[in-house]
Amino acid sequence: PAGRHTISSGGGLTLIDGHRFVWNAYNVRRTADQLARNLGFG
């Protein structure tokens, strides 16, 4: 339910992608880094 960002066609098919939000170790690390940058904006 969270999004779509590529749609394509060929070979008689239409392809599309979609995503949902999940939690994992990668997400925790990236979110912490992003918040640190944002908090530095003033």
ModelCIF file with pLDDT and N, C-alpha, C, O atoms, coordinates in Angstrom:
data_MODEL
#
_entry.id   MODEL 
#
_entity.id                         1 
_entity.type                       polymer 
_entity.pdbx_number_of_molecules   1 
#
_entity_poly.entity_id                      1 
_entity_poly.type                           'polypeptide(L)' 
_entity_poly.nstd_linkage                   no 
_entity_poly.nstd_monomer                   no 
_entity_poly.pdbx_seq_one_letter_code       PAGRHTISSGGGLTLIDGHRFVWNAYNVRRTADQLARNLGFG 
_entity_poly.pdbx_seq_one_letter_code_can   PAGRHTISSGGGLTLIDGHRFVWNAYNVRRTADQLARNLGFG 
_entity_poly.pdbx_strand_id                 A 
#
loop_
_entity_poly_seq.entity_id 
_entity_poly_seq.num 
_entity_poly_seq.mon_id 
_entity_poly_seq.hetero 
1 1  PRO n 
1 2  ALA n 
1 3  GLY n 
1 4  ARG n 
1 5  HIS n 
1 6  THR n 
1 7  ILE n 
1 8  SER n 
1 9  SER n 
1 10 GLY n 
1 11 GLY n 
1 12 GLY n 
1 13 LEU n 
1 14 THR n 
1 15 LEU n 
1 16 ILE n 
1 17 ASP n 
1 18 GLY n 
1 19 HIS n 
1 20 ARG n 
1 21 PHE n 
1 22 VAL n 
1 23 TRP n 
1 24 ASN n 
1 25 ALA n 
1 26 TYR n 
1 27 ASN n 
1 28 VAL n 
1 29 ARG n 
1 30 ARG n 
1 31 THR n 
1 32 ALA n 
1 33 ASP n 
1 34 GLN n 
1 35 LEU n 
1 36 ALA n 
1 37 ARG n 
1 38 ASN n 
1 39 LEU n 
1 40 GLY n 
1 41 PHE n 
1 42 GLY n 
#
_struct_asym.id          A 
_struct_asym.entity_id   1 
#
loop_
_ma_qa_metric.id 
_ma_qa_metric.mode 
_ma_qa_metric.name 
_ma_qa_metric.software_group_id 
_ma_qa_metric.type 
1 global pLDDT . pLDDT 
2 local  pLDDT . pLDDT 
#
_ma_qa_metric_global.metric_id      1 
_ma_qa_metric_global.metric_value   79.40 
_ma_qa_metric_global.model_id       1 
_ma_qa_metric_global.ordinal_id     1 
#
loop_
_ma_qa_metric_local.label_asym_id 
_ma_qa_metric_local.label_comp_id 
_ma_qa_metric_local.label_seq_id 
_ma_qa_metric_local.metric_id 
_ma_qa_metric_local.metric_value 
_ma_qa_metric_local.model_id 
_ma_qa_metric_local.ordinal_id 
A PRO 1  2 95.00 1 1  
A ALA 2  2 95.00 1 2  
A GLY 3  2 95.00 1 3  
A ARG 4  2 97.00 1 4  
A HIS 5  2 96.00 1 5  
A THR 6  2 98.00 1 6  
A ILE 7  2 98.00 1 7  
A SER 8  2 98.00 1 8  
A SER 9  2 95.00 1 9  
A GLY 10 2 90.00 1 10 
A GLY 11 2 83.00 1 11 
A GLY 12 2 87.00 1 12 
A LEU 13 2 93.00 1 13 
A THR 14 2 96.00 1 14 
A LEU 15 2 97.00 1 15 
A ILE 16 2 97.00 1 16 
A ASP 17 2 97.00 1 17 
A GLY 18 2 97.00 1 18 
A HIS 19 2 96.00 1 19 
A ARG 20 2 94.00 1 20 
A PHE 21 2 91.00 1 21 
A VAL 22 2 87.00 1 22 
A TRP 23 2 79.00 1 23 
A ASN 24 2 69.00 1 24 
A ALA 25 2 66.00 1 25 
A TYR 26 2 68.00 1 26 
A ASN 27 2 66.00 1 27 
A VAL 28 2 68.00 1 28 
A ARG 29 2 69.00 1 29 
A ARG 30 2 67.00 1 30 
A THR 31 2 66.00 1 31 
A ALA 32 2 68.00 1 32 
A ASP 33 2 69.00 1 33 
A GLN 34 2 61.00 1 34 
A LEU 35 2 61.00 1 35 
A ALA 36 2 66.00 1 36 
A ARG 37 2 61.00 1 37 
A ASN 38 2 56.00 1 38 
A LEU 39 2 55.00 1 39 
A GLY 40 2 53.00 1 40 
A PHE 41 2 47.00 1 41 
A GLY 42 2 48.00 1 42 
#
loop_
_atom_site.group_PDB 
_atom_site.id 
_atom_site.type_symbol 
_atom_site.label_atom_id 
_atom_site.label_alt_id 
_atom_site.label_comp_id 
_atom_site.label_asym_id 
_atom_site.label_entity_id 
_atom_site.label_seq_id 
_atom_site.pdbx_PDB_ins_code 
_atom_site.Cartn_x 
_atom_site.Cartn_y 
_atom_site.Cartn_z 
_atom_site.occupancy 
_atom_site.B_iso_or_equiv 
_atom_site.pdbx_formal_charge 
_atom_site.auth_seq_id 
_atom_site.auth_comp_id 
_atom_site.auth_asym_id 
_atom_site.auth_atom_id 
_atom_site.pdbx_PDB_model_num 
ATOM 1   N N  . PRO A 1 1  ? 0.784  -1.237  0.000   1.00 95.00 ? 1  PRO A N  1 
ATOM 2   C CA . PRO A 1 1  ? 0.000  0.000   0.000   1.00 95.00 ? 1  PRO A CA 1 
ATOM 3   C C  . PRO A 1 1  ? 0.810  1.278   0.000   1.00 95.00 ? 1  PRO A C  1 
ATOM 4   O O  . PRO A 1 1  ? 0.227  2.358   -0.094  1.00 95.00 ? 1  PRO A O  1 
ATOM 5   N N  . ALA A 1 2  ? 2.144  1.205   0.102   1.00 95.00 ? 2  ALA A N  1 
ATOM 6   C CA . ALA A 1 2  ? 2.927  2.421   0.331   1.00 95.00 ? 2  ALA A CA 1 
ATOM 7   C C  . ALA A 1 2  ? 3.374  3.124   -0.938  1.00 95.00 ? 2  ALA A C  1 
ATOM 8   O O  . ALA A 1 2  ? 3.736  4.300   -0.881  1.00 95.00 ? 2  ALA A O  1 
ATOM 9   N N  . GLY A 1 3  ? 3.364  2.440   -2.097  1.00 95.00 ? 3  GLY A N  1 
ATOM 10  C CA . GLY A 1 3  ? 3.817  3.188   -3.258  1.00 95.00 ? 3  GLY A CA 1 
ATOM 11  C C  . GLY A 1 3  ? 3.995  2.364   -4.517  1.00 95.00 ? 3  GLY A C  1 
ATOM 12  O O  . GLY A 1 3  ? 3.926  1.135   -4.506  1.00 95.00 ? 3  GLY A O  1 
ATOM 13  N N  . ARG A 1 4  ? 4.227  3.096   -5.615  1.00 97.00 ? 4  ARG A N  1 
ATOM 14  C CA . ARG A 1 4  ? 4.581  2.569   -6.931  1.00 97.00 ? 4  ARG A CA 1 
ATOM 15  C C  . ARG A 1 4  ? 5.614  3.527   -7.528  1.00 97.00 ? 4  ARG A C  1 
ATOM 16  O O  . ARG A 1 4  ? 5.511  4.736   -7.317  1.00 97.00 ? 4  ARG A O  1 
ATOM 17  N N  . HIS A 1 5  ? 6.605  3.021   -8.265  1.00 96.00 ? 5  HIS A N  1 
ATOM 18  C CA . HIS A 1 5  ? 7.531  3.982   -8.887  1.00 96.00 ? 5  HIS A CA 1 
ATOM 19  C C  . HIS A 1 5  ? 8.136  3.551   -10.217 1.00 96.00 ? 5  HIS A C  1 
ATOM 20  O O  . HIS A 1 5  ? 8.962  4.283   -10.763 1.00 96.00 ? 5  HIS A O  1 
ATOM 21  N N  . THR A 1 6  ? 7.764  2.403   -10.759 1.00 98.00 ? 6  THR A N  1 
ATOM 22  C CA . THR A 1 6  ? 8.202  2.028   -12.107 1.00 98.00 ? 6  THR A CA 1 
ATOM 23  C C  . THR A 1 6  ? 7.110  1.203   -12.765 1.00 98.00 ? 6  THR A C  1 
ATOM 24  O O  . THR A 1 6  ? 6.553  0.294   -12.150 1.00 98.00 ? 6  THR A O  1 
ATOM 25  N N  . ILE A 1 7  ? 6.805  1.524   -14.020 1.00 98.00 ? 7  ILE A N  1 
ATOM 26  C CA . ILE A 1 7  ? 5.888  0.727   -14.824 1.00 98.00 ? 7  ILE A CA 1 
ATOM 27  C C  . ILE A 1 7  ? 6.503  0.587   -16.212 1.00 98.00 ? 7  ILE A C  1 
ATOM 28  O O  . ILE A 1 7  ? 7.064  1.544   -16.746 1.00 98.00 ? 7  ILE A O  1 
ATOM 29  N N  . SER A 1 8  ? 6.398  -0.613  -16.798 1.00 98.00 ? 8  SER A N  1 
ATOM 30  C CA . SER A 1 8  ? 7.053  -0.867  -18.086 1.00 98.00 ? 8  SER A CA 1 
ATOM 31  C C  . SER A 1 8  ? 6.243  -1.886  -18.863 1.00 98.00 ? 8  SER A C  1 
ATOM 32  O O  . SER A 1 8  ? 5.359  -2.549  -18.320 1.00 98.00 ? 8  SER A O  1 
ATOM 33  N N  . SER A 1 9  ? 6.563  -2.001  -20.153 1.00 95.00 ? 9  SER A N  1 
ATOM 34  C CA . SER A 1 9  ? 5.855  -2.953  -20.991 1.00 95.00 ? 9  SER A CA 1 
ATOM 35  C C  . SER A 1 9  ? 6.815  -3.566  -22.002 1.00 95.00 ? 9  SER A C  1 
ATOM 36  O O  . SER A 1 9  ? 7.837  -2.976  -22.351 1.00 95.00 ? 9  SER A O  1 
ATOM 37  N N  . GLY A 1 10 ? 6.460  -4.776  -22.467 1.00 90.00 ? 10 GLY A N  1 
ATOM 38  C CA . GLY A 1 10 ? 7.263  -5.481  -23.458 1.00 90.00 ? 10 GLY A CA 1 
ATOM 39  C C  . GLY A 1 10 ? 6.984  -6.977  -23.362 1.00 90.00 ? 10 GLY A C  1 
ATOM 40  O O  . GLY A 1 10 ? 6.593  -7.483  -22.310 1.00 90.00 ? 10 GLY A O  1 
ATOM 41  N N  . GLY A 1 11 ? 7.191  -7.673  -24.473 1.00 83.00 ? 11 GLY A N  1 
ATOM 42  C CA . GLY A 1 11 ? 6.994  -9.117  -24.457 1.00 83.00 ? 11 GLY A CA 1 
ATOM 43  C C  . GLY A 1 11 ? 5.586  -9.524  -24.102 1.00 83.00 ? 11 GLY A C  1 
ATOM 44  O O  . GLY A 1 11 ? 5.377  -10.623 -23.588 1.00 83.00 ? 11 GLY A O  1 
ATOM 45  N N  . GLY A 1 12 ? 4.604  -8.662  -24.365 1.00 87.00 ? 12 GLY A N  1 
ATOM 46  C CA . GLY A 1 12 ? 3.221  -8.985  -24.046 1.00 87.00 ? 12 GLY A CA 1 
ATOM 47  C C  . GLY A 1 12 ? 2.848  -8.796  -22.595 1.00 87.00 ? 12 GLY A C  1 
ATOM 48  O O  . GLY A 1 12 ? 1.755  -9.183  -22.182 1.00 87.00 ? 12 GLY A O  1 
ATOM 49  N N  . LEU A 1 13 ? 3.754  -8.197  -21.797 1.00 93.00 ? 13 LEU A N  1 
ATOM 50  C CA . LEU A 1 13 ? 3.498  -8.011  -20.372 1.00 93.00 ? 13 LEU A CA 1 
ATOM 51  C C  . LEU A 1 13 ? 3.584  -6.540  -19.986 1.00 93.00 ? 13 LEU A C  1 
ATOM 52  O O  . LEU A 1 13 ? 4.248  -5.741  -20.647 1.00 93.00 ? 13 LEU A O  1 
ATOM 53  N N  . THR A 1 14 ? 2.910  -6.212  -18.922 1.00 96.00 ? 14 THR A N  1 
ATOM 54  C CA . THR A 1 14 ? 3.128  -4.938  -18.235 1.00 96.00 ? 14 THR A CA 1 
ATOM 55  C C  . THR A 1 14 ? 3.647  -5.259  -16.839 1.00 96.00 ? 14 THR A C  1 
ATOM 56  O O  . THR A 1 14 ? 3.067  -6.072  -16.119 1.00 96.00 ? 14 THR A O  1 
ATOM 57  N N  . LEU A 1 15 ? 4.737  -4.615  -16.470 1.00 97.00 ? 15 LEU A N  1 
ATOM 58  C CA . LEU A 1 15 ? 5.339  -4.819  -15.147 1.00 97.00 ? 15 LEU A CA 1 
ATOM 59  C C  . LEU A 1 15 ? 5.215  -3.541  -14.331 1.00 97.00 ? 15 LEU A C  1 
ATOM 60  O O  . LEU A 1 15 ? 5.232  -2.434  -14.870 1.00 97.00 ? 15 LEU A O  1 
ATOM 61  N N  . ILE A 1 16 ? 5.092  -3.715  -13.047 1.00 97.00 ? 16 ILE A N  1 
ATOM 62  C CA . ILE A 1 16 ? 5.006  -2.579  -12.138 1.00 97.00 ? 16 ILE A CA 1 
ATOM 63  C C  . ILE A 1 16 ? 5.639  -2.994  -10.822 1.00 97.00 ? 16 ILE A C  1 
ATOM 64  O O  . ILE A 1 16 ? 5.694  -4.184  -10.514 1.00 97.00 ? 16 ILE A O  1 
ATOM 65  N N  . ASP A 1 17 ? 6.109  -2.053  -10.056 1.00 97.00 ? 17 ASP A N  1 
ATOM 66  C CA . ASP A 1 17 ? 6.611  -2.405  -8.728  1.00 97.00 ? 17 ASP A CA 1 
ATOM 67  C C  . ASP A 1 17 ? 5.787  -1.697  -7.660  1.00 97.00 ? 17 ASP A C  1 
ATOM 68  O O  . ASP A 1 17 ? 5.079  -0.727  -7.932  1.00 97.00 ? 17 ASP A O  1 
ATOM 69  N N  . GLY A 1 18 ? 5.897  -2.199  -6.463  1.00 97.00 ? 18 GLY A N  1 
ATOM 70  C CA . GLY A 1 18 ? 5.184  -1.615  -5.341  1.00 97.00 ? 18 GLY A CA 1 
ATOM 71  C C  . GLY A 1 18 ? 5.939  -1.895  -4.060  1.00 97.00 ? 18 GLY A C  1 
ATOM 72  O O  . GLY A 1 18 ? 6.796  -2.777  -4.013  1.00 97.00 ? 18 GLY A O  1 
ATOM 73  N N  . HIS A 1 19 ? 5.616  -1.137  -3.015  1.00 96.00 ? 19 HIS A N  1 
ATOM 74  C CA . HIS A 1 19 ? 6.342  -1.377  -1.779  1.00 96.00 ? 19 HIS A CA 1 
ATOM 75  C C  . HIS A 1 19 ? 5.464  -1.182  -0.552  1.00 96.00 ? 19 HIS A C  1 
ATOM 76  O O  . HIS A 1 19 ? 4.391  -0.580  -0.598  1.00 96.00 ? 19 HIS A O  1 
ATOM 77  N N  . ARG A 1 20 ? 5.970  -1.715  0.526   1.00 94.00 ? 20 ARG A N  1 
ATOM 78  C CA . ARG A 1 20 ? 5.417  -1.485  1.849   1.00 94.00 ? 20 ARG A CA 1 
ATOM 79  C C  . ARG A 1 20 ? 6.577  -1.093  2.757   1.00 94.00 ? 20 ARG A C  1 
ATOM 80  O O  . ARG A 1 20 ? 7.740  -1.312  2.419   1.00 94.00 ? 20 ARG A O  1 
ATOM 81  N N  . PHE A 1 21 ? 6.259  -0.522  3.892   1.00 91.00 ? 21 PHE A N  1 
ATOM 82  C CA . PHE A 1 21 ? 7.304  -0.128  4.830   1.00 91.00 ? 21 PHE A CA 1 
ATOM 83  C C  . PHE A 1 21 ? 7.564  -1.259  5.821   1.00 91.00 ? 21 PHE A C  1 
ATOM 84  O O  . PHE A 1 21 ? 6.630  -1.852  6.362   1.00 91.00 ? 21 PHE A O  1 
ATOM 85  N N  . VAL A 1 22 ? 8.828  -1.545  6.049   1.00 87.00 ? 22 VAL A N  1 
ATOM 86  C CA . VAL A 1 22 ? 9.228  -2.604  6.975   1.00 87.00 ? 22 VAL A CA 1 
ATOM 87  C C  . VAL A 1 22 ? 10.295 -2.061  7.918   1.00 87.00 ? 22 VAL A C  1 
ATOM 88  O O  . VAL A 1 22 ? 10.872 -0.996  7.698   1.00 87.00 ? 22 VAL A O  1 
ATOM 89  N N  . TRP A 1 23 ? 10.532 -2.823  8.963   1.00 79.00 ? 23 TRP A N  1 
ATOM 90  C CA . TRP A 1 23 ? 11.620 -2.498  9.890   1.00 79.00 ? 23 TRP A CA 1 
ATOM 91  C C  . TRP A 1 23 ? 12.695 -3.575  9.788   1.00 79.00 ? 23 TRP A C  1 
ATOM 92  O O  . TRP A 1 23 ? 12.404 -4.771  9.777   1.00 79.00 ? 23 TRP A O  1 
ATOM 93  N N  . ASN A 1 24 ? 13.947 -3.117  9.714   1.00 69.00 ? 24 ASN A N  1 
ATOM 94  C CA . ASN A 1 24 ? 15.087 -4.020  9.802   1.00 69.00 ? 24 ASN A CA 1 
ATOM 95  C C  . ASN A 1 24 ? 16.284 -3.216  10.305  1.00 69.00 ? 24 ASN A C  1 
ATOM 96  O O  . ASN A 1 24 ? 16.187 -2.006  10.511  1.00 69.00 ? 24 ASN A O  1 
ATOM 97  N N  . ALA A 1 25 ? 17.404 -3.892  10.498  1.00 66.00 ? 25 ALA A N  1 
ATOM 98  C CA . ALA A 1 25 ? 18.574 -3.216  11.056  1.00 66.00 ? 25 ALA A CA 1 
ATOM 99  C C  . ALA A 1 25 ? 19.056 -2.092  10.149  1.00 66.00 ? 25 ALA A C  1 
ATOM 100 O O  . ALA A 1 25 ? 19.508 -1.044  10.612  1.00 66.00 ? 25 ALA A O  1 
ATOM 101 N N  . TYR A 1 26 ? 18.946 -2.337  8.837   1.00 68.00 ? 26 TYR A N  1 
ATOM 102 C CA . TYR A 1 26 ? 19.349 -1.313  7.874   1.00 68.00 ? 26 TYR A CA 1 
ATOM 103 C C  . TYR A 1 26 ? 18.509 -0.061  8.052   1.00 68.00 ? 26 TYR A C  1 
ATOM 104 O O  . TYR A 1 26 ? 19.025 1.057   8.061   1.00 68.00 ? 26 TYR A O  1 
ATOM 105 N N  . ASN A 1 27 ? 17.210 -0.265  8.192   1.00 66.00 ? 27 ASN A N  1 
ATOM 106 C CA . ASN A 1 27 ? 16.290 0.866   8.357   1.00 66.00 ? 27 ASN A CA 1 
ATOM 107 C C  . ASN A 1 27 ? 16.613 1.674   9.606   1.00 66.00 ? 27 ASN A C  1 
ATOM 108 O O  . ASN A 1 27 ? 16.614 2.904   9.564   1.00 66.00 ? 27 ASN A O  1 
ATOM 109 N N  . VAL A 1 28 ? 16.884 1.004   10.701  1.00 68.00 ? 28 VAL A N  1 
ATOM 110 C CA . VAL A 1 28 ? 17.183 1.707   11.955  1.00 68.00 ? 28 VAL A CA 1 
ATOM 111 C C  . VAL A 1 28 ? 18.420 2.585   11.789  1.00 68.00 ? 28 VAL A C  1 
ATOM 112 O O  . VAL A 1 28 ? 18.437 3.736   12.225  1.00 68.00 ? 28 VAL A O  1 
ATOM 113 N N  . ARG A 1 29 ? 19.453 2.035   11.157  1.00 69.00 ? 29 ARG A N  1 
ATOM 114 C CA . ARG A 1 29 ? 20.691 2.788   10.980  1.00 69.00 ? 29 ARG A CA 1 
ATOM 115 C C  . ARG A 1 29 ? 20.483 3.996   10.064  1.00 69.00 ? 29 ARG A C  1 
ATOM 116 O O  . ARG A 1 29 ? 20.923 5.102   10.378  1.00 69.00 ? 29 ARG A O  1 
ATOM 117 N N  . ARG A 1 30 ? 19.810 3.779   8.930   1.00 67.00 ? 30 ARG A N  1 
ATOM 118 C CA . ARG A 1 30 ? 19.605 4.872   7.995   1.00 67.00 ? 30 ARG A CA 1 
ATOM 119 C C  . ARG A 1 30 ? 18.707 5.968   8.575   1.00 67.00 ? 30 ARG A C  1 
ATOM 120 O O  . ARG A 1 30 ? 18.952 7.156   8.368   1.00 67.00 ? 30 ARG A O  1 
ATOM 121 N N  . THR A 1 31 ? 17.671 5.556   9.300   1.00 66.00 ? 31 THR A N  1 
ATOM 122 C CA . THR A 1 31 ? 16.777 6.541   9.902   1.00 66.00 ? 31 THR A CA 1 
ATOM 123 C C  . THR A 1 31 ? 17.508 7.391   10.923  1.00 66.00 ? 31 THR A C  1 
ATOM 124 O O  . THR A 1 31 ? 17.309 8.604   10.982  1.00 66.00 ? 31 THR A O  1 
ATOM 125 N N  . ALA A 1 32 ? 18.356 6.759   11.730  1.00 68.00 ? 32 ALA A N  1 
ATOM 126 C CA . ALA A 1 32 ? 19.125 7.508   12.722  1.00 68.00 ? 32 ALA A CA 1 
ATOM 127 C C  . ALA A 1 32 ? 20.053 8.510   12.046  1.00 68.00 ? 32 ALA A C  1 
ATOM 128 O O  . ALA A 1 32 ? 20.179 9.648   12.499  1.00 68.00 ? 32 ALA A O  1 
ATOM 129 N N  . ASP A 1 33 ? 20.702 8.088   10.961  1.00 69.00 ? 33 ASP A N  1 
ATOM 130 C CA . ASP A 1 33 ? 21.596 9.003   10.241  1.00 69.00 ? 33 ASP A CA 1 
ATOM 131 C C  . ASP A 1 33 ? 20.821 10.172  9.651   1.00 69.00 ? 33 ASP A C  1 
ATOM 132 O O  . ASP A 1 33 ? 21.260 11.319  9.723   1.00 69.00 ? 33 ASP A O  1 
ATOM 133 N N  . GLN A 1 34 ? 19.658 9.872   9.065   1.00 61.00 ? 34 GLN A N  1 
ATOM 134 C CA . GLN A 1 34 ? 18.862 10.925  8.444   1.00 61.00 ? 34 GLN A CA 1 
ATOM 135 C C  . GLN A 1 34 ? 18.363 11.923  9.472   1.00 61.00 ? 34 GLN A C  1 
ATOM 136 O O  . GLN A 1 34 ? 18.406 13.131  9.239   1.00 61.00 ? 34 GLN A O  1 
ATOM 137 N N  . LEU A 1 35 ? 17.894 11.432  10.596  1.00 61.00 ? 35 LEU A N  1 
ATOM 138 C CA . LEU A 1 35 ? 17.412 12.339  11.635  1.00 61.00 ? 35 LEU A CA 1 
ATOM 139 C C  . LEU A 1 35 ? 18.538 13.212  12.174  1.00 61.00 ? 35 LEU A C  1 
ATOM 140 O O  . LEU A 1 35 ? 18.329 14.385  12.481  1.00 61.00 ? 35 LEU A O  1 
ATOM 141 N N  . ALA A 1 36 ? 19.728 12.639  12.286  1.00 66.00 ? 36 ALA A N  1 
ATOM 142 C CA . ALA A 1 36 ? 20.871 13.431  12.752  1.00 66.00 ? 36 ALA A CA 1 
ATOM 143 C C  . ALA A 1 36 ? 21.149 14.577  11.789  1.00 66.00 ? 36 ALA A C  1 
ATOM 144 O O  . ALA A 1 36 ? 21.435 15.696  12.215  1.00 66.00 ? 36 ALA A O  1 
ATOM 145 N N  . ARG A 1 37 ? 21.064 14.294  10.476  1.00 61.00 ? 37 ARG A N  1 
ATOM 146 C CA . ARG A 1 37 ? 21.274 15.353  9.490   1.00 61.00 ? 37 ARG A CA 1 
ATOM 147 C C  . ARG A 1 37 ? 20.162 16.399  9.569   1.00 61.00 ? 37 ARG A C  1 
ATOM 148 O O  . ARG A 1 37 ? 20.422 17.601  9.520   1.00 61.00 ? 37 ARG A O  1 
ATOM 149 N N  . ASN A 1 38 ? 18.929 15.930  9.690   1.00 56.00 ? 38 ASN A N  1 
ATOM 150 C CA . ASN A 1 38 ? 17.802 16.862  9.726   1.00 56.00 ? 38 ASN A CA 1 
ATOM 151 C C  . ASN A 1 38 ? 17.840 17.745  10.955  1.00 56.00 ? 38 ASN A C  1 
ATOM 152 O O  . ASN A 1 38 ? 17.545 18.937  10.879  1.00 56.00 ? 38 ASN A O  1 
ATOM 153 N N  . LEU A 1 39 ? 18.202 17.165  12.084  1.00 55.00 ? 39 LEU A N  1 
ATOM 154 C CA . LEU A 1 39 ? 18.273 17.961  13.305  1.00 55.00 ? 39 LEU A CA 1 
ATOM 155 C C  . LEU A 1 39 ? 19.358 19.008  13.215  1.00 55.00 ? 39 LEU A C  1 
ATOM 156 O O  . LEU A 1 39 ? 19.288 20.038  13.886  1.00 55.00 ? 39 LEU A O  1 
ATOM 157 N N  . GLY A 1 40 ? 20.364 18.755  12.391  1.00 53.00 ? 40 GLY A N  1 
ATOM 158 C CA . GLY A 1 40 ? 21.422 19.742  12.207  1.00 53.00 ? 40 GLY A CA 1 
ATOM 159 C C  . GLY A 1 40 ? 21.028 20.910  11.346  1.00 53.00 ? 40 GLY A C  1 
ATOM 160 O O  . GLY A 1 40 ? 21.786 21.874  11.232  1.00 53.00 ? 40 GLY A O  1 
ATOM 161 N N  . PHE A 1 41 ? 19.829 20.851  10.717  1.00 47.00 ? 41 PHE A N  1 
ATOM 162 C CA . PHE A 1 41 ? 19.387 21.931  9.837   1.00 47.00 ? 41 PHE A CA 1 
ATOM 163 C C  . PHE A 1 41 ? 19.036 23.201  10.611  1.00 47.00 ? 41 PHE A C  1 
ATOM 164 O O  . PHE A 1 41 ? 19.019 24.286  10.029  1.00 47.00 ? 41 PHE A O  1 
ATOM 165 N N  . GLY A 1 42 ? 18.758 23.087  11.909  1.00 48.00 ? 42 GLY A N  1 
ATOM 166 C CA . GLY A 1 42 ? 18.285 24.261  12.650  1.00 48.00 ? 42 GLY A CA 1 
ATOM 167 C C  . GLY A 1 42 ? 16.786 24.392  12.539  1.00 48.00 ? 42 GLY A C  1 
ATOM 168 O O  . GLY A 1 42 ? 16.205 25.322  13.099  1.00 48.00 ? 42 GLY A O  1 
#
